[in-house]
Amino acid sequence: GMNKRGADSLGLTPAQVSTLASIIDEETNADSDRPNIASVYLNRLAIGMPLQADPTVKFALRNFALRRIYEKQLLTPSP
């Protein structure tokens, strides 16, 4: 797991790192893709940009069976 020092080095709390890891895990099954996806999300967070991650829509809708995210799902209000 992520310790506090590792999380601090990313500018995140351990809980935020865990949440981000869950999003990345839902985004891909390929271990080789995870570092690149993590980098994109960390860069977005660093500049205050929304993650714009499809898995967050699945979490908000509580529907992990979704394979594709369409505009109607993207329009769902969520934090």
C-alpha atoms as a PDB file:
ATOM      1  CA  GLY A   1       0.000   0.000   0.000  1.00  0.00           C
ATOM      2  CA  MET A   2       0.842   3.656  -0.151  1.00  0.00           C
ATOM      3  CA  ASN A   3       2.415   5.150   2.963  1.00  0.00           C
ATOM      4  CA  LYS A   4       1.990   8.749   4.057  1.00  0.00           C
ATOM      5  CA  ARG A   5       5.404   9.827   2.754  1.00  0.00           C
ATOM      6  CA  GLY A   6       4.669   8.370  -0.681  1.00  0.00           C
ATOM      7  CA  ALA A   7       1.261  10.032  -0.759  1.00  0.00           C
ATOM      8  CA  ASP A   8       2.764  13.338   0.406  1.00  0.00           C
ATOM      9  CA  SER A   9       5.282  13.185  -2.443  1.00  0.00           C
ATOM     10  CA  LEU A  10       2.318  13.138  -4.842  1.00  0.00           C
ATOM     11  CA  GLY A  11       0.547  15.967  -3.026  1.00  0.00           C
ATOM     12  CA  LEU A  12      -2.239  13.593  -2.010  1.00  0.00           C
ATOM     13  CA  THR A  13      -3.480  11.884   1.121  1.00  0.00           C
ATOM     14  CA  PRO A  14      -3.240   8.093   1.390  1.00  0.00           C
ATOM     15  CA  ALA A  15      -7.045   7.959   0.973  1.00  0.00           C
ATOM     16  CA  GLN A  16      -6.828  10.024  -2.229  1.00  0.00           C
ATOM     17  CA  VAL A  17      -4.097   7.719  -3.548  1.00  0.00           C
ATOM     18  CA  SER A  18      -6.335   4.736  -2.820  1.00  0.00           C
ATOM     19  CA  THR A  19      -9.245   6.378  -4.639  1.00  0.00           C
ATOM     20  CA  LEU A  20      -7.058   7.231  -7.629  1.00  0.00           C
ATOM     21  CA  ALA A  21      -5.711   3.670  -7.704  1.00  0.00           C
ATOM     22  CA  SER A  22      -9.293   2.356  -7.788  1.00  0.00           C
ATOM     23  CA  ILE A  23     -10.092   4.619 -10.740  1.00  0.00           C
ATOM     24  CA  ILE A  24      -6.958   3.521 -12.589  1.00  0.00           C
ATOM     25  CA  ASP A  25      -7.709  -0.135 -11.849  1.00  0.00           C
ATOM     26  CA  GLU A  26     -11.199   0.233 -13.330  1.00  0.00           C
ATOM     27  CA  GLU A  27      -9.789   2.090 -16.361  1.00  0.00           C
ATOM     28  CA  THR A  28      -7.563  -0.759 -17.595  1.00  0.00           C
ATOM     29  CA  ASN A  29      -6.695  -4.394 -17.067  1.00  0.00           C
ATOM     30  CA  ALA A  30      -3.226  -3.927 -18.561  1.00  0.00           C
ATOM     31  CA  ASP A  31      -0.564  -3.389 -15.896  1.00  0.00           C
ATOM     32  CA  SER A  32       1.654  -1.750 -18.516  1.00  0.00           C
ATOM     33  CA  ASP A  33      -0.954   1.003 -19.092  1.00  0.00           C
ATOM     34  CA  ARG A  34      -1.404   1.934 -15.430  1.00  0.00           C
ATOM     35  CA  PRO A  35       1.667   4.212 -15.047  1.00  0.00           C
ATOM     36  CA  ASN A  36       0.657   6.247 -18.112  1.00  0.00           C
ATOM     37  CA  ILE A  37      -2.943   6.576 -16.949  1.00  0.00           C
ATOM     38  CA  ALA A  38      -1.767   7.540 -13.453  1.00  0.00           C
ATOM     39  CA  SER A  39       0.496  10.188 -14.960  1.00  0.00           C
ATOM     40  CA  VAL A  40      -2.365  11.706 -16.952  1.00  0.00           C
ATOM     41  CA  TYR A  41      -4.610  11.865 -13.885  1.00  0.00           C
ATOM     42  CA  LEU A  42      -1.865  13.261 -11.628  1.00  0.00           C
ATOM     43  CA  ASN A  43      -1.092  15.947 -14.217  1.00  0.00           C
ATOM     44  CA  ARG A  44      -4.781  16.878 -14.396  1.00  0.00           C
ATOM     45  CA  LEU A  45      -5.002  17.093 -10.602  1.00  0.00           C
ATOM     46  CA  ALA A  46      -1.828  19.217 -10.464  1.00  0.00           C
ATOM     47  CA  ILE A  47      -3.375  21.871 -12.709  1.00  0.00           C
ATOM     48  CA  GLY A  48      -6.805  21.729 -11.087  1.00  0.00           C
ATOM     49  CA  MET A  49      -8.410  20.035 -14.069  1.00  0.00           C
ATOM     50  CA  PRO A  50     -11.249  17.516 -13.596  1.00  0.00           C
ATOM     51  CA  LEU A  51     -10.142  13.907 -13.970  1.00  0.00           C
ATOM     52  CA  GLN A  52     -12.681  13.304 -16.739  1.00  0.00           C
ATOM     53  CA  ALA A  53     -12.355   9.586 -16.032  1.00  0.00           C
ATOM     54  CA  ASP A  54     -15.052   7.210 -17.241  1.00  0.00           C
ATOM     55  CA  PRO A  55     -14.714   4.992 -14.138  1.00  0.00           C
ATOM     56  CA  THR A  56     -15.854   7.905 -11.969  1.00  0.00           C
ATOM     57  CA  VAL A  57     -19.149   7.847 -13.882  1.00  0.00           C
ATOM     58  CA  LYS A  58     -19.493   4.135 -13.111  1.00  0.00           C
ATOM     59  CA  PHE A  59     -18.863   4.863  -9.427  1.00  0.00           C
ATOM     60  CA  ALA A  60     -21.390   7.718  -9.401  1.00  0.00           C
ATOM     61  CA  LEU A  61     -24.037   5.587 -11.121  1.00  0.00           C
ATOM     62  CA  ARG A  62     -23.098   2.533  -9.028  1.00  0.00           C
ATOM     63  CA  ASN A  63     -23.135   0.551 -12.256  1.00  0.00           C
ATOM     64  CA  PHE A  64     -19.862  -1.290 -12.820  1.00  0.00           C
ATOM     65  CA  ALA A  65     -21.367  -3.375 -15.611  1.00  0.00           C
ATOM     66  CA  LEU A  66     -21.165  -0.393 -17.989  1.00  0.00           C
ATOM     67  CA  ARG A  67     -18.629  -1.070 -20.720  1.00  0.00           C
ATOM     68  CA  ARG A  68     -19.092   2.175 -22.637  1.00  0.00           C
ATOM     69  CA  ILE A  69     -19.922   5.576 -21.260  1.00  0.00           C
ATOM     70  CA  TYR A  70     -22.287   7.643 -23.370  1.00  0.00           C
ATOM     71  CA  GLU A  71     -23.279  11.302 -23.180  1.00  0.00           C
ATOM     72  CA  LYS A  72     -26.402  10.512 -21.149  1.00  0.00           C
ATOM     73  CA  GLN A  73     -24.206   8.996 -18.439  1.00  0.00           C
ATOM     74  CA  LEU A  74     -21.735  11.883 -18.627  1.00  0.00           C
ATOM     75  CA  LEU A  75     -24.583  14.318 -17.956  1.00  0.00           C
ATOM     76  CA  THR A  76     -25.370  12.616 -14.635  1.00  0.00           C
ATOM     77  CA  PRO A  77     -24.616  15.053 -11.791  1.00  0.00           C
ATOM     78  CA  SER A  78     -21.829  13.742  -9.560  1.00  0.00           C
ATOM     79  CA  PRO A  79     -19.135  15.211  -7.286  1.00  0.00           C
END
